[in-house]
Amino acid sequence: MIRDYIEITRLFNMGLTGVAPVLGALAMWNVDTLTPLKLVILFIIGCFAHSYGFVLNDVIDIKVDKLSKDLIARPLVRGSITRKRAAFFAVSCMIGSFLLSLVFFSELGSYIFLILILLIAYFIATVYDIASKKYPGMDLFVAGAVFFLILFGASTIGTPTRLAYIVALIGGLQVLFMNMINGTIKDIDHDKEGSANTIAIRLGANIHAGVIALPLSFKTTGYLIEIGRMLLIFIPFTPFVMRSWDLWLWQIALLVILEVLIFVSIYKLYSIKTFDRSRIRKSIGITVIFMYATTPIMLCSLNIYIALVALIPPLWFFCSNLVLHKTVFEPKTM
């Protein structure tokens, strides 16, 4: 039973959402107010928010998910957890995050503002879960939820700076790519069969007799999202954001290498013609690992140890897969 609840949270990519509010706080780096304990609490709050979003999504999309034989490993699909219990678990995670946020209480006015940001993140995530398959463009809502989750982390330190907003936009674009591009390719079989009304489907993404058809408009959309995210990664190195920003040659070189690897990974993902969920999962995992490493590397100019945050998502991904699925790149519940 415990394993079922762990699996329904999509443990394999929980580390990605968990670091969202942490990165927001790190973008506001202040050694007088930021402690390792507070960073850990922010990470847990991010994990709770992640669990709420994915569990609620499974509760709402259960009928569509059952159309795919590859998703039988999901607890709700195989019936090991009821929809009622799953919904209760999701709400419990949300309540847990609000209780943990009391750690950042300093004075009533600022705390109300802090809670308001977290509420907005949950509200937007809920709208996405309810309407993601019904209306096109809902991917923007889940991206917005992560945007506000990152701003929540920044607001635990003070009023968000321009750098914090840039980090929030980067996080939002990453999630937008994951949902609109990665998610479409991964779920194209049962989304099409379930008549999902998404932007990707509207653009012509399709599958017929096991062959994936991705139109140029869909591919271009993915590349444009990544180009926008890439530009945001390099903006902090200009006087517009940080006039005293330390610039290291290795840092720029590493970011350039990571961006090249990201575009190569996207191209390889687009090149998959025959629907093979196992291969698609591996390709998505590699792309996401490269993508999520860029922000911590960029923030190294504030403190070199921030680079360690880049290790959390891949290590979390590998370890959770090994423990739950005896594999490295193929989470069965993706």
Protein backbone atom coordinates (compact mmCIF):
# COMPACT_ATOMS: atom_id res chain seq x y z
CA MET A 1 0.00 0.00 0.00
CA ILE A 2 2.81 2.44 0.89
CA ARG A 3 4.51 1.63 -2.40
CA ASP A 4 1.28 2.46 -4.25
CA TYR A 5 1.13 5.93 -2.71
CA ILE A 6 4.82 6.48 -3.49
CA GLU A 7 4.27 5.48 -7.12
CA ILE A 8 1.20 7.67 -7.56
CA THR A 9 3.28 10.74 -6.66
CA ARG A 10 5.50 10.14 -9.74
CA LEU A 11 8.53 9.85 -7.49
CA PHE A 12 10.93 9.70 -10.44
CA ASN A 13 10.59 13.41 -11.25
CA MET A 14 9.62 14.73 -7.82
CA GLY A 15 13.14 16.08 -7.42
CA LEU A 16 12.51 18.45 -10.35
CA THR A 17 9.55 20.17 -8.69
CA GLY A 18 11.14 19.91 -5.26
CA VAL A 19 14.04 22.16 -6.27
CA ALA A 20 11.72 24.81 -7.77
CA PRO A 21 11.13 26.85 -4.57
CA VAL A 22 14.74 26.14 -3.54
CA LEU A 23 16.03 27.81 -6.71
CA GLY A 24 13.74 30.74 -6.04
CA ALA A 25 15.28 31.20 -2.61
CA LEU A 26 18.83 30.74 -3.93
CA ALA A 27 18.22 33.46 -6.52
CA MET A 28 17.68 35.74 -3.49
CA TRP A 29 20.86 34.52 -1.80
CA ASN A 30 21.20 36.05 1.65
CA VAL A 31 23.44 34.28 4.15
CA ASP A 32 21.75 36.06 7.04
CA THR A 33 18.31 34.59 6.43
CA LEU A 34 18.86 31.46 4.31
CA THR A 35 19.85 28.28 6.15
CA PRO A 36 20.24 24.64 5.03
CA LEU A 37 17.19 23.73 7.16
CA LYS A 38 15.01 26.28 5.37
CA LEU A 39 16.23 25.00 2.00
CA VAL A 40 15.27 21.45 3.02
CA ILE A 41 11.81 22.66 4.10
CA LEU A 42 11.37 24.47 0.78
CA PHE A 43 12.34 21.26 -1.01
CA ILE A 44 9.73 19.29 0.95
CA ILE A 45 7.09 21.93 0.17
CA GLY A 46 8.00 21.57 -3.51
CA CYS A 47 7.64 17.79 -3.22
CA PHE A 48 4.20 18.18 -1.59
CA ALA A 49 3.11 20.52 -4.41
CA HIS A 50 4.41 18.02 -6.95
CA SER A 51 2.49 15.17 -5.34
CA TYR A 52 -0.73 17.20 -5.22
CA GLY A 53 -0.54 18.08 -8.90
CA PHE A 54 0.25 14.61 -10.22
CA VAL A 55 -2.11 12.70 -7.94
CA LEU A 56 -5.02 15.01 -8.75
CA ASN A 57 -4.15 14.70 -12.44
CA ASP A 58 -4.35 10.90 -12.20
CA VAL A 59 -7.68 11.12 -10.38
CA ILE A 60 -9.18 13.28 -13.12
CA ASP A 61 -7.56 11.52 -16.11
CA ILE A 62 -8.22 7.95 -14.97
CA LYS A 63 -10.57 7.16 -17.89
CA VAL A 64 -8.09 8.39 -20.50
CA ASP A 65 -5.14 6.65 -18.82
CA LYS A 66 -6.98 3.32 -18.90
CA LEU A 67 -6.96 3.51 -22.70
CA SER A 68 -3.21 2.83 -22.70
CA LYS A 69 -1.92 -0.65 -21.88
CA ASP A 70 1.49 0.89 -21.07
CA LEU A 71 0.05 2.75 -18.06
CA ILE A 72 -1.20 -0.33 -16.23
CA ALA A 73 1.62 0.19 -13.71
CA ARG A 74 -0.07 3.33 -12.37
CA PRO A 75 -1.85 2.56 -9.06
CA LEU A 76 -5.18 4.14 -10.06
CA VAL A 77 -5.21 2.36 -13.42
CA ARG A 78 -4.58 -1.05 -11.89
CA GLY A 79 -7.00 -0.31 -9.04
CA SER A 80 -4.62 -0.62 -6.07
CA ILE A 81 -5.74 2.84 -4.87
CA THR A 82 -9.27 4.21 -5.15
CA ARG A 83 -9.98 7.64 -6.60
CA LYS A 84 -11.41 8.79 -3.26
CA ARG A 85 -8.28 7.83 -1.32
CA ALA A 86 -6.05 9.35 -3.98
CA ALA A 87 -7.96 12.64 -3.82
CA PHE A 88 -7.70 12.67 -0.01
CA PHE A 89 -3.95 12.04 -0.29
CA ALA A 90 -3.57 14.95 -2.76
CA VAL A 91 -5.40 17.36 -0.44
CA SER A 92 -3.31 16.15 2.51
CA CYS A 93 -0.13 17.01 0.60
CA MET A 94 -1.42 20.51 -0.07
CA ILE A 95 -2.32 21.04 3.60
CA GLY A 96 1.11 19.72 4.60
CA SER A 97 2.83 22.34 2.46
CA PHE A 98 0.83 25.16 4.07
CA LEU A 99 1.69 23.88 7.55
CA LEU A 100 5.39 23.76 6.68
CA SER A 101 5.21 27.31 5.35
CA LEU A 102 4.66 28.48 8.95
CA VAL A 103 8.43 28.14 9.37
CA PHE A 104 8.78 31.30 7.27
CA PHE A 105 6.37 33.36 9.39
CA SER A 106 7.96 36.63 10.47
CA GLU A 107 5.12 39.14 10.49
CA LEU A 108 1.48 38.79 9.46
CA GLY A 109 1.47 41.01 6.38
CA SER A 110 4.42 39.36 4.64
CA TYR A 111 3.19 35.89 5.59
CA ILE A 112 -0.26 36.53 4.07
CA PHE A 113 1.47 37.60 0.85
CA LEU A 114 3.58 34.44 0.97
CA ILE A 115 0.54 32.19 1.42
CA LEU A 116 -1.28 34.02 -1.36
CA ILE A 117 1.50 33.14 -3.81
CA LEU A 118 1.36 29.49 -2.78
CA LEU A 119 -2.44 29.50 -3.09
CA ILE A 120 -2.17 30.89 -6.62
CA ALA A 121 0.25 28.11 -7.53
CA TYR A 122 -2.16 25.44 -6.25
CA PHE A 123 -5.18 27.09 -7.89
CA ILE A 124 -3.49 27.25 -11.30
CA ALA A 125 -2.31 23.64 -10.96
CA THR A 126 -5.88 22.57 -10.12
CA VAL A 127 -7.30 24.37 -13.16
CA TYR A 128 -4.74 22.56 -15.31
CA ASP A 129 -5.58 19.14 -13.88
CA ILE A 130 -9.29 19.68 -14.46
CA ALA A 131 -9.09 21.12 -17.98
CA SER A 132 -5.79 19.83 -19.42
CA LYS A 133 -7.46 17.40 -21.85
CA LYS A 134 -10.50 19.55 -22.59
CA TYR A 135 -9.11 22.84 -23.83
CA PRO A 136 -5.97 23.73 -25.82
CA GLY A 137 -3.33 25.87 -24.13
CA MET A 138 -3.72 24.41 -20.65
CA ASP A 139 0.02 23.67 -20.59
CA LEU A 140 0.48 27.36 -19.81
CA PHE A 141 -1.36 26.81 -16.51
CA VAL A 142 0.98 24.12 -15.21
CA ALA A 143 3.92 26.29 -16.30
CA GLY A 144 2.34 29.16 -14.38
CA ALA A 145 1.98 26.99 -11.29
CA VAL A 146 5.73 26.31 -11.24
CA PHE A 147 6.41 30.00 -11.93
CA PHE A 148 4.54 30.95 -8.74
CA LEU A 149 6.08 28.06 -6.79
CA ILE A 150 9.53 29.49 -7.56
CA LEU A 151 8.36 32.99 -6.61
CA PHE A 152 7.09 31.49 -3.35
CA GLY A 153 10.61 30.30 -2.59
CA ALA A 154 12.04 33.73 -3.40
CA SER A 155 9.39 35.46 -1.26
CA THR A 156 10.46 33.51 1.83
CA ILE A 157 13.61 35.67 1.69
CA GLY A 158 12.14 39.01 0.62
CA THR A 159 10.61 40.86 -2.30
CA PRO A 160 11.50 38.90 -5.47
CA THR A 161 14.29 40.49 -7.52
CA ARG A 162 14.63 40.60 -11.29
CA LEU A 163 16.90 37.57 -11.07
CA ALA A 164 14.21 35.66 -9.13
CA TYR A 165 11.63 36.49 -11.81
CA ILE A 166 14.03 35.28 -14.51
CA VAL A 167 14.57 32.00 -12.65
CA ALA A 168 10.77 31.65 -12.31
CA LEU A 169 10.32 32.22 -16.05
CA ILE A 170 13.03 29.64 -16.81
CA GLY A 171 11.29 27.12 -14.58
CA GLY A 172 7.95 27.86 -16.20
CA LEU A 173 9.35 27.35 -19.71
CA GLN A 174 10.98 24.10 -18.67
CA VAL A 175 7.66 22.76 -17.44
CA LEU A 176 5.91 24.12 -20.54
CA PHE A 177 8.31 22.11 -22.70
CA MET A 178 7.88 19.01 -20.55
CA ASN A 179 4.10 19.15 -20.83
CA MET A 180 3.50 20.47 -24.32
CA ILE A 181 6.34 18.61 -26.07
CA ASN A 182 7.60 15.69 -23.97
CA GLY A 183 4.16 14.90 -22.57
CA THR A 184 2.52 14.94 -25.99
CA ILE A 185 5.00 12.50 -27.53
CA LYS A 186 4.87 10.21 -24.49
CA ASP A 187 1.06 10.12 -24.29
CA ILE A 188 0.16 10.56 -27.95
CA ASP A 189 -1.33 7.05 -28.16
CA HIS A 190 -4.07 7.38 -25.54
CA ASP A 191 -4.46 11.17 -25.86
CA LYS A 192 -5.48 10.77 -29.47
CA GLU A 193 -7.73 7.81 -28.71
CA GLY A 194 -9.29 9.71 -25.82
CA SER A 195 -9.95 12.76 -28.04
CA ALA A 196 -7.75 15.05 -25.96
CA ASN A 197 -8.09 18.68 -27.04
CA THR A 198 -4.53 19.98 -26.69
CA ILE A 199 -2.42 22.44 -28.66
CA ALA A 200 -0.22 19.58 -29.86
CA ILE A 201 -3.22 17.70 -31.26
CA ARG A 202 -4.50 20.93 -32.82
CA LEU A 203 -1.08 21.42 -34.47
CA GLY A 204 -1.40 17.99 -36.05
CA ALA A 205 0.60 15.69 -33.77
CA ASN A 206 -0.79 12.24 -34.48
CA ILE A 207 -0.15 8.51 -34.41
CA HIS A 208 -1.36 5.92 -36.91
CA ALA A 209 -0.59 2.21 -36.85
CA GLY A 210 2.14 2.83 -34.31
CA VAL A 211 3.85 5.50 -36.41
CA ILE A 212 4.26 8.96 -34.84
CA ALA A 213 3.63 12.00 -37.03
CA LEU A 214 4.99 15.28 -35.67
CA PRO A 215 4.32 18.25 -37.98
CA LEU A 216 6.87 21.03 -38.48
CA SER A 217 4.64 23.45 -36.53
CA PHE A 218 4.83 21.20 -33.45
CA LYS A 219 8.60 20.72 -33.71
CA THR A 220 9.15 24.44 -34.23
CA THR A 221 7.08 25.23 -31.14
CA GLY A 222 9.37 23.02 -29.05
CA TYR A 223 12.51 24.61 -30.44
CA LEU A 224 11.14 28.11 -29.85
CA ILE A 225 10.33 27.31 -26.21
CA GLU A 226 13.90 26.11 -25.67
CA ILE A 227 15.39 29.11 -27.49
CA GLY A 228 13.40 31.41 -25.18
CA ARG A 229 14.58 29.48 -22.14
CA MET A 230 18.19 29.58 -23.38
CA LEU A 231 18.08 33.36 -23.78
CA LEU A 232 16.84 33.72 -20.21
CA ILE A 233 19.72 31.54 -18.99
CA PHE A 234 22.28 34.01 -20.41
CA ILE A 235 20.45 37.27 -19.58
CA PRO A 236 21.78 37.40 -15.97
CA PHE A 237 25.31 37.77 -17.36
CA THR A 238 24.34 41.21 -18.68
CA PRO A 239 24.31 44.46 -16.64
CA PHE A 240 20.51 44.47 -16.94
CA VAL A 241 20.25 42.01 -14.05
CA MET A 242 23.46 41.95 -12.02
CA ARG A 243 26.09 44.66 -12.44
CA SER A 244 28.49 42.88 -10.09
CA TRP A 245 27.78 39.40 -11.49
CA ASP A 246 30.93 37.25 -11.39
CA LEU A 247 31.70 35.68 -14.76
CA TRP A 248 33.69 32.46 -15.08
CA LEU A 249 34.79 31.09 -18.42
CA TRP A 250 34.08 27.49 -17.37
CA GLN A 251 30.57 28.50 -16.38
CA ILE A 252 29.75 29.96 -19.79
CA ALA A 253 31.44 27.04 -21.55
CA LEU A 254 29.45 24.50 -19.54
CA LEU A 255 26.17 26.30 -20.21
CA VAL A 256 26.92 26.36 -23.95
CA ILE A 257 27.74 22.64 -23.90
CA LEU A 258 24.53 21.87 -22.00
CA GLU A 259 22.44 23.87 -24.49
CA VAL A 260 24.02 22.02 -27.41
CA LEU A 261 23.24 18.71 -25.71
CA ILE A 262 19.65 19.84 -25.08
CA PHE A 263 19.03 20.68 -28.73
CA VAL A 264 20.63 17.40 -29.84
CA SER A 265 18.41 15.52 -27.37
CA ILE A 266 15.30 17.31 -28.63
CA TYR A 267 16.25 16.44 -32.21
CA LYS A 268 16.67 12.77 -31.28
CA LEU A 269 13.31 12.78 -29.50
CA TYR A 270 11.68 14.23 -32.61
CA SER A 271 13.41 11.56 -34.69
CA ILE A 272 11.59 8.68 -33.01
CA LYS A 273 9.14 7.48 -35.65
CA THR A 274 7.71 4.25 -34.22
CA PHE A 275 5.88 4.61 -30.92
CA ASP A 276 8.07 2.94 -28.31
CA ARG A 277 7.23 4.21 -24.83
CA SER A 278 10.40 2.74 -23.33
CA ARG A 279 12.64 4.55 -25.82
CA ILE A 280 10.63 7.76 -25.47
CA ARG A 281 10.99 7.63 -21.67
CA LYS A 282 14.76 7.36 -21.95
CA SER A 283 14.99 10.22 -24.42
CA ILE A 284 12.79 12.47 -22.25
CA GLY A 285 14.82 11.62 -19.13
CA ILE A 286 18.09 12.63 -20.80
CA THR A 287 16.63 15.88 -22.18
CA VAL A 288 15.18 16.91 -18.83
CA ILE A 289 18.42 16.20 -16.93
CA PHE A 290 20.41 18.48 -19.24
CA MET A 291 17.69 21.15 -19.19
CA TYR A 292 17.33 21.34 -15.41
CA ALA A 293 21.11 21.53 -14.85
CA THR A 294 21.40 24.91 -16.57
CA THR A 295 19.75 27.10 -13.90
CA PRO A 296 21.93 25.95 -10.95
CA ILE A 297 25.03 26.35 -13.14
CA MET A 298 23.90 29.87 -14.06
CA LEU A 299 23.35 30.73 -10.38
CA CYS A 300 26.89 29.64 -9.48
CA SER A 301 27.92 33.26 -9.83
CA LEU A 302 26.08 33.89 -6.55
CA ASN A 303 27.65 30.96 -4.76
CA ILE A 304 29.67 28.08 -6.23
CA TYR A 305 27.90 25.50 -4.05
CA ILE A 306 24.61 26.17 -5.85
CA ALA A 307 26.01 23.94 -8.61
CA LEU A 308 25.31 20.97 -6.32
CA VAL A 309 21.57 21.56 -6.82
CA ALA A 310 22.04 20.42 -10.43
CA LEU A 311 22.81 16.93 -9.10
CA ILE A 312 19.53 16.54 -7.18
CA PRO A 313 17.10 15.88 -10.10
CA PRO A 314 19.27 13.25 -11.90
CA LEU A 315 20.29 11.46 -8.70
CA TRP A 316 16.67 11.48 -7.51
CA PHE A 317 15.55 10.20 -10.93
CA PHE A 318 18.10 7.36 -11.04
CA CYS A 319 17.68 6.26 -7.42
CA SER A 320 13.87 6.26 -7.47
CA ASN A 321 13.85 4.24 -10.70
CA LEU A 322 16.31 1.69 -9.31
CA VAL A 323 14.37 1.27 -6.07
CA LEU A 324 10.87 1.10 -7.58
CA HIS A 325 11.42 -0.28 -11.07
CA LYS A 326 14.89 -1.89 -11.12
CA THR A 327 15.86 0.33 -14.03
CA VAL A 328 17.67 3.65 -14.51
CA PHE A 329 15.93 5.49 -17.36
CA GLU A 330 12.53 3.83 -17.57
CA PRO A 331 10.07 4.79 -14.80
CA LYS A 332 7.04 2.57 -15.42
CA THR A 333 4.62 5.19 -14.15
CA MET A 334 5.76 7.98 -16.52
